C-alpha atoms as a PDB file:
ATOM      1  CA  ASN A   1       0.000   0.000   0.000  1.00  0.00           C
ATOM      2  CA  THR A   2       1.808   3.107  -1.233  1.00  0.00           C
ATOM      3  CA  GLY A   3      -1.188   5.348  -0.610  1.00  0.00           C
ATOM      4  CA  GLY A   4      -0.120   9.004  -0.510  1.00  0.00           C
ATOM      5  CA  VAL A   5       3.380   8.037  -1.634  1.00  0.00           C
ATOM      6  CA  GLY A   6       2.026   6.918  -5.002  1.00  0.00           C
ATOM      7  CA  LYS A   7       0.213  10.212  -5.459  1.00  0.00           C
ATOM      8  CA  ILE A   8       3.365  12.163  -4.590  1.00  0.00           C
ATOM      9  CA  ILE A   9       5.542  10.177  -7.024  1.00  0.00           C
ATOM     10  CA  PHE A  10       3.107  10.295  -9.942  1.00  0.00           C
ATOM     11  CA  GLY A  11       1.089  13.331  -8.863  1.00  0.00           C
ATOM     12  CA  HIS A  12      -0.509  13.528 -12.308  1.00  0.00           C
ATOM     13  CA  GLY A  13      -3.873  12.214 -11.147  1.00  0.00           C
ATOM     14  CA  THR A  14      -3.741   9.340 -13.618  1.00  0.00           C
ATOM     15  CA  LYS A  15      -5.895   6.248 -13.323  1.00  0.00           C
ATOM     16  CA  LEU A  16      -2.740   4.261 -12.515  1.00  0.00           C
ATOM     17  CA  THR A  17      -2.145   6.493  -9.506  1.00  0.00           C
ATOM     18  CA  ILE A  18      -5.669   5.887  -8.227  1.00  0.00           C
ATOM     19  CA  HIS A  19      -5.233   2.118  -8.511  1.00  0.00           C
ATOM     20  CA  ALA A  20      -1.785   2.331  -6.934  1.00  0.00           C
ATOM     21  CA  SER A  21      -3.242   4.221  -3.981  1.00  0.00           C
ATOM     22  CA  LYS A  22      -5.520   1.308  -3.218  1.00  0.00           C
END
């Protein structure tokens, strides 16, 4: 679970980021 970390790394609001968050 990367959670916020995934959003910080990608931070583009892509669908991949959303899935990575969960």
